[in-house]
Protein backbone atom coordinates (compact mmCIF):
# COMPACT_ATOMS: atom_id res chain seq x y z
CA UNK A 1 24.30 7.58 117.84
CA UNK A 2 20.91 7.74 116.23
CA UNK A 3 20.92 11.57 116.25
CA UNK A 4 24.49 11.63 114.73
CA UNK A 5 23.34 9.37 111.99
CA UNK A 6 20.31 11.56 111.32
CA UNK A 7 22.38 14.66 111.18
CA UNK A 8 24.87 12.96 108.86
CA UNK A 9 22.04 12.06 106.46
CA UNK A 10 20.68 15.59 106.59
CA UNK A 11 23.92 17.42 105.89
CA UNK A 12 24.81 15.21 103.01
CA UNK A 13 21.41 15.54 101.24
CA UNK A 14 22.70 18.41 99.11
CA UNK A 15 25.56 16.20 97.93
CA UNK A 16 23.07 13.53 96.67
CA UNK A 17 21.14 16.18 94.68
CA UNK A 18 24.42 17.68 93.39
CA UNK A 19 25.44 14.30 91.94
CA UNK A 20 21.95 13.63 90.48
CA UNK A 21 22.02 17.06 88.77
CA UNK A 22 25.43 16.38 87.34
CA UNK A 23 23.87 13.37 85.44
CA UNK A 24 21.34 15.68 83.74
CA UNK A 25 24.01 18.24 83.06
CA UNK A 26 26.21 15.60 81.25
CA UNK A 27 23.11 14.42 79.38
CA UNK A 28 22.29 17.97 78.38
CA UNK A 29 25.90 18.57 77.12
CA UNK A 30 25.63 15.31 75.00
CA UNK A 31 22.35 16.59 73.55
CA UNK A 32 23.69 19.97 72.62
CA UNK A 33 26.91 18.70 71.03
CA UNK A 34 25.60 15.68 69.20
CA UNK A 35 22.00 16.44 68.22
CA UNK A 36 22.40 20.33 67.80
CA UNK A 37 25.90 21.55 67.40
CA UNK A 38 26.99 18.74 65.06
CA UNK A 39 24.24 19.68 62.68
CA UNK A 40 25.15 23.43 62.99
CA UNK A 41 28.79 22.55 62.28
CA UNK A 42 27.82 20.14 59.58
CA UNK A 43 29.58 17.22 61.29
CA UNK A 44 28.43 13.66 60.32
CA UNK A 45 25.64 15.05 58.10
CA UNK A 46 25.60 11.90 55.83
CA UNK A 47 25.20 9.79 58.90
CA UNK A 48 22.23 11.93 60.24
CA UNK A 49 20.68 12.02 56.77
CA UNK A 50 20.71 8.17 56.64
CA UNK A 51 18.14 8.22 59.37
CA UNK A 52 20.15 6.33 62.10
CA UNK A 53 18.27 4.81 64.81
CA UNK A 54 19.69 6.95 67.54
CA UNK A 55 17.75 10.08 66.16
CA UNK A 56 14.76 8.57 67.96
CA UNK A 57 16.70 9.28 71.24
CA UNK A 58 16.60 13.02 70.51
CA UNK A 59 13.25 13.82 71.90
CA UNK A 60 13.61 11.83 75.14
CA UNK A 61 17.19 13.12 75.75
CA UNK A 62 16.51 16.77 74.86
CA UNK A 63 13.44 17.31 76.89
CA UNK A 64 14.08 15.02 79.73
CA UNK A 65 17.55 16.46 80.27
CA UNK A 66 16.40 20.12 80.14
CA UNK A 67 13.32 19.62 82.33
CA UNK A 68 15.24 17.32 84.72
CA UNK A 69 17.94 20.01 85.12
CA UNK A 70 15.37 22.64 85.88
CA UNK A 71 13.57 20.49 88.41
CA UNK A 72 16.97 19.57 90.02
CA UNK A 73 17.88 23.27 90.28
CA UNK A 74 14.57 23.90 91.98
CA UNK A 75 15.09 21.00 94.40
CA UNK A 76 18.59 22.34 95.44
CA UNK A 77 17.08 25.82 96.02
CA UNK A 78 14.36 24.43 98.24
CA UNK A 79 17.00 22.33 100.02
CA UNK A 80 19.04 25.42 100.69
CA UNK A 81 15.98 27.36 101.79
CA UNK A 82 14.91 24.70 104.28
CA UNK A 83 18.41 24.14 105.69
CA UNK A 84 18.75 27.89 106.35
CA UNK A 85 15.28 29.05 107.31
CA UNK A 86 13.54 25.85 108.72
CA UNK A 87 16.22 23.86 110.59
CA UNK A 88 13.83 21.64 112.57
CA UNK A 89 11.82 20.83 109.51
CA UNK A 90 14.96 20.23 107.50
CA UNK A 91 16.34 17.70 110.02
CA UNK A 92 13.00 15.69 110.15
CA UNK A 93 12.08 15.78 106.56
CA UNK A 94 15.26 15.96 104.35
CA UNK A 95 16.86 12.63 105.21
CA UNK A 96 18.84 10.41 102.92
CA UNK A 97 15.76 8.29 101.97
CA UNK A 98 13.77 11.54 101.13
CA UNK A 99 16.64 12.70 98.94
CA UNK A 100 16.60 9.43 97.09
CA UNK A 101 12.74 9.69 96.63
CA UNK A 102 13.01 13.24 95.30
CA UNK A 103 15.84 12.29 92.87
CA UNK A 104 13.60 9.39 91.68
CA UNK A 105 10.83 11.94 90.98
CA UNK A 106 13.40 14.15 89.26
CA UNK A 107 13.95 11.34 86.80
CA UNK A 108 10.37 10.01 86.61
CA UNK A 109 8.39 13.19 86.12
CA UNK A 110 10.19 14.41 83.00
CA UNK A 111 10.00 10.96 81.47
CA UNK A 112 6.28 10.75 82.02
CA UNK A 113 5.52 14.29 81.21
CA UNK A 114 6.92 14.09 77.69
CA UNK A 115 6.08 10.43 76.99
CA UNK A 116 3.36 11.44 74.54
CA UNK A 117 5.99 12.73 72.17
CA UNK A 118 8.33 9.64 72.05
CA UNK A 119 6.35 7.88 69.17
CA UNK A 120 7.00 10.94 67.03
CA UNK A 121 10.32 11.19 65.23
CA UNK A 122 12.37 14.23 64.36
CA UNK A 123 13.84 14.68 60.82
CA UNK A 124 16.97 16.51 59.64
CA UNK A 125 16.07 19.78 57.92
CA UNK A 126 18.45 22.13 55.99
CA UNK A 127 17.82 25.83 56.66
CA UNK A 128 19.25 27.77 53.60
CA UNK A 129 18.92 31.19 55.25
CA UNK A 130 21.19 30.23 58.11
CA UNK A 131 23.27 27.60 56.14
CA UNK A 132 22.88 24.81 58.80
CA UNK A 133 20.99 21.69 59.56
CA UNK A 134 18.63 21.16 62.48
CA UNK A 135 16.40 18.42 63.87
CA UNK A 136 12.66 19.26 63.62
CA UNK A 137 9.52 17.58 64.56
CA UNK A 138 7.08 16.67 61.77
CA UNK A 139 4.02 17.03 64.08
CA UNK A 140 3.48 20.72 64.83
CA UNK A 141 0.99 19.81 67.55
CA UNK A 142 3.51 17.74 69.48
CA UNK A 143 6.12 20.52 69.03
CA UNK A 144 3.64 23.04 70.43
CA UNK A 145 2.83 20.81 73.34
CA UNK A 146 6.48 20.26 74.08
CA UNK A 147 7.27 24.01 74.02
CA UNK A 148 4.18 24.85 76.23
CA UNK A 149 5.10 22.20 78.85
CA UNK A 150 8.76 23.20 78.95
CA UNK A 151 7.87 26.84 79.19
CA UNK A 152 5.42 26.06 82.14
CA UNK A 153 8.11 24.09 83.99
CA UNK A 154 10.69 26.74 83.49
CA UNK A 155 8.41 29.67 84.43
CA UNK A 156 7.09 27.96 87.63
CA UNK A 157 10.67 27.09 88.59
CA UNK A 158 11.85 30.62 87.90
CA UNK A 159 9.12 32.30 90.05
CA UNK A 160 9.58 29.87 93.00
CA UNK A 161 13.42 30.20 92.70
CA UNK A 162 13.30 34.00 92.75
CA UNK A 163 11.05 34.07 95.76
CA UNK A 164 13.15 31.63 97.78
CA UNK A 165 16.44 33.14 96.74
CA UNK A 166 15.35 36.55 98.05
CA UNK A 167 14.49 34.89 101.36
CA UNK A 168 17.72 32.89 101.45
CA UNK A 169 19.90 35.98 100.73
CA UNK A 170 18.14 38.03 103.41
CA UNK A 171 18.43 35.25 105.97
CA UNK A 172 22.02 34.37 105.10
CA UNK A 173 23.14 37.92 105.38
CA UNK A 174 21.20 38.48 108.60
CA UNK A 175 22.12 35.30 110.43
CA UNK A 176 25.61 34.39 109.07
CA UNK A 177 27.40 37.47 107.73
CA UNK A 178 26.32 40.01 110.33
CA UNK A 179 26.45 37.62 113.39
CA UNK A 180 29.69 35.81 112.63
CA UNK A 181 31.33 38.68 110.77
CA UNK A 182 32.74 36.38 108.07
CA UNK A 183 31.81 34.59 104.81
CA UNK A 184 31.08 37.81 102.96
CA UNK A 185 32.84 36.38 99.94
CA UNK A 186 30.53 33.39 99.94
CA UNK A 187 27.63 35.85 100.16
CA UNK A 188 28.69 37.56 96.88
CA UNK A 189 29.34 34.21 95.28
CA UNK A 190 25.89 33.06 96.29
CA UNK A 191 24.34 36.24 95.04
CA UNK A 192 26.01 35.86 91.66
CA UNK A 193 25.01 32.24 91.40
CA UNK A 194 21.33 33.20 92.27
CA UNK A 195 21.13 36.06 89.73
CA UNK A 196 22.60 34.08 86.90
CA UNK A 197 20.60 30.90 87.43
CA UNK A 198 17.33 32.81 87.92
CA UNK A 199 17.89 34.89 84.76
CA UNK A 200 18.63 31.70 82.87
CA UNK A 201 15.36 30.14 84.01
CA UNK A 202 13.37 33.23 82.92
CA UNK A 203 15.32 33.40 79.64
CA UNK A 204 14.51 29.67 78.99
CA UNK A 205 10.80 30.27 79.80
CA UNK A 206 10.61 33.29 77.42
CA UNK A 207 12.54 31.53 74.73
CA UNK A 208 10.02 28.61 74.91
CA UNK A 209 7.15 31.24 74.92
CA UNK A 210 8.45 32.87 71.73
CA UNK A 211 9.15 29.49 70.14
CA UNK A 212 5.54 28.46 70.98
CA UNK A 213 4.28 31.56 69.19
CA UNK A 214 6.44 30.86 66.21
CA UNK A 215 5.06 27.33 66.02
CA UNK A 216 1.55 28.57 66.19
CA UNK A 217 1.94 31.12 63.39
CA UNK A 218 4.03 28.70 61.37
CA UNK A 219 7.19 30.90 61.34
CA UNK A 220 9.82 28.05 60.96
CA UNK A 221 12.69 30.46 60.44
CA UNK A 222 12.11 31.95 63.86
CA UNK A 223 12.02 28.56 65.43
CA UNK A 224 15.29 27.51 63.94
CA UNK A 225 16.96 30.84 64.77
CA UNK A 226 15.98 30.35 68.51
CA UNK A 227 18.32 27.43 68.65
CA UNK A 228 21.14 29.97 68.93
CA UNK A 229 19.67 31.43 72.03
CA UNK A 230 19.15 27.98 73.44
CA UNK A 231 22.88 27.20 72.94
CA UNK A 232 23.69 30.06 75.29
CA UNK A 233 21.01 29.62 78.01
CA UNK A 234 21.43 25.95 78.64
CA UNK A 235 25.30 25.81 78.91
CA UNK A 236 25.27 28.85 81.24
CA UNK A 237 22.54 27.27 83.38
CA UNK A 238 24.46 23.94 83.36
CA UNK A 239 27.85 25.25 84.24
CA UNK A 240 27.08 28.03 86.88
CA UNK A 241 25.47 25.80 89.54
CA UNK A 242 28.23 23.17 89.94
CA UNK A 243 31.19 25.63 89.58
CA UNK A 244 29.91 28.19 92.05
CA UNK A 245 28.85 25.40 94.53
CA UNK A 246 32.35 23.81 94.36
CA UNK A 247 33.96 27.19 94.85
CA UNK A 248 31.83 27.85 97.99
CA UNK A 249 32.24 24.47 99.66
CA UNK A 250 35.61 22.95 100.39
CA UNK A 251 34.09 19.75 101.82
CA UNK A 252 32.08 19.30 98.71
CA UNK A 253 35.06 19.81 96.50
CA UNK A 254 36.86 17.03 98.40
CA UNK A 255 33.76 14.81 98.14
CA UNK A 256 33.58 15.58 94.40
CA UNK A 257 37.20 14.68 93.77
CA UNK A 258 36.91 11.46 95.73
CA UNK A 259 33.71 10.40 93.95
CA UNK A 260 34.84 11.04 90.46
CA UNK A 261 38.70 10.93 90.44
CA UNK A 262 39.60 8.62 93.31
CA UNK A 263 41.75 6.33 91.10
CA UNK A 264 43.60 9.28 89.61
CA UNK A 265 44.44 10.97 92.86
CA UNK A 266 47.56 10.08 94.92
CA UNK A 267 46.90 8.23 98.10
CA UNK A 268 47.79 11.20 100.35
CA UNK A 269 45.03 13.15 98.63
CA UNK A 270 42.35 10.69 99.30
CA UNK A 271 39.64 11.94 101.66
CA UNK A 272 38.58 9.77 104.43
CA UNK A 273 34.82 9.38 104.26
CA UNK A 274 34.41 9.35 108.02
CA UNK A 275 36.30 12.65 108.13
CA UNK A 276 33.85 14.17 105.63
CA UNK A 277 30.91 12.93 107.80
CA UNK A 278 32.50 14.53 110.92
CA UNK A 279 33.08 17.76 109.23
CA UNK A 280 29.47 17.80 108.09
CA UNK A 281 28.25 17.02 111.57
CA UNK A 282 30.29 19.79 113.06
CA UNK A 283 29.03 22.27 110.53
CA UNK A 284 25.49 21.23 110.94
CA UNK A 285 25.65 21.53 114.78
CA UNK A 286 27.38 24.94 114.57
CA UNK A 287 24.73 26.12 112.06
CA UNK A 288 21.92 25.07 114.39
CA UNK A 289 23.55 26.85 117.38
CA UNK A 290 23.95 30.03 115.23
CA UNK A 291 20.33 29.96 114.14
CA UNK A 292 18.79 29.37 117.43
């Protein structure tokens, strides 16, 4: 019974990280729409210009959501790597309590890392050359430090993710696709997911590097223009991970529907939680036998 409980905790660790990442994804969407897109679309401009109190939330929400999402993506990649390549270590280390501790760090580290910038406020700036409004920091040093820190986080995550993804793909193809002769569609879905997310991480790092250079040389027009690139990079990075993950995992889709839409679903569609646990246990035991 103790072993079964341990397996259940291990196999559901990805679900905990998936749900935690969803929080940062929603927070990121809120930041893009309210603090960035509204200004580009000239929505509620008088309200923004009146210097409302919630503008003080811009810096914490923007940088904590982005860095938290990047850290969460890195954690899920490491989770997948350990589950596939180091089964014994994964069973002993990645328990429910460890997942909760990692999620706590995922929240805490970005909050502490960018805490120096919270006392500094952003202001609404009109950019005539692009005919839009944007939020900008008055203190260039703080802006430079924010760009440098986010660039470092993104670049480190991109490098580690690239290395682990290559190992994961090789191991998955060798141990699952070739041995079992199935799941080739999942392999290509996984390949697509890894390519897109890794490219987005590198794109985010280079975007922050260029932005850092523009801040150093005082080229404000370039800094404002890069918001367009950011609007493409972040939504793609945010959407690809949950969509591809739900496509690849039927049990995770059922868990997702039960967790978020239980009251909206008909009773016959409700998923028995014990059934999900049994499915996860069976999959984990099969996976261990396959890899041994």
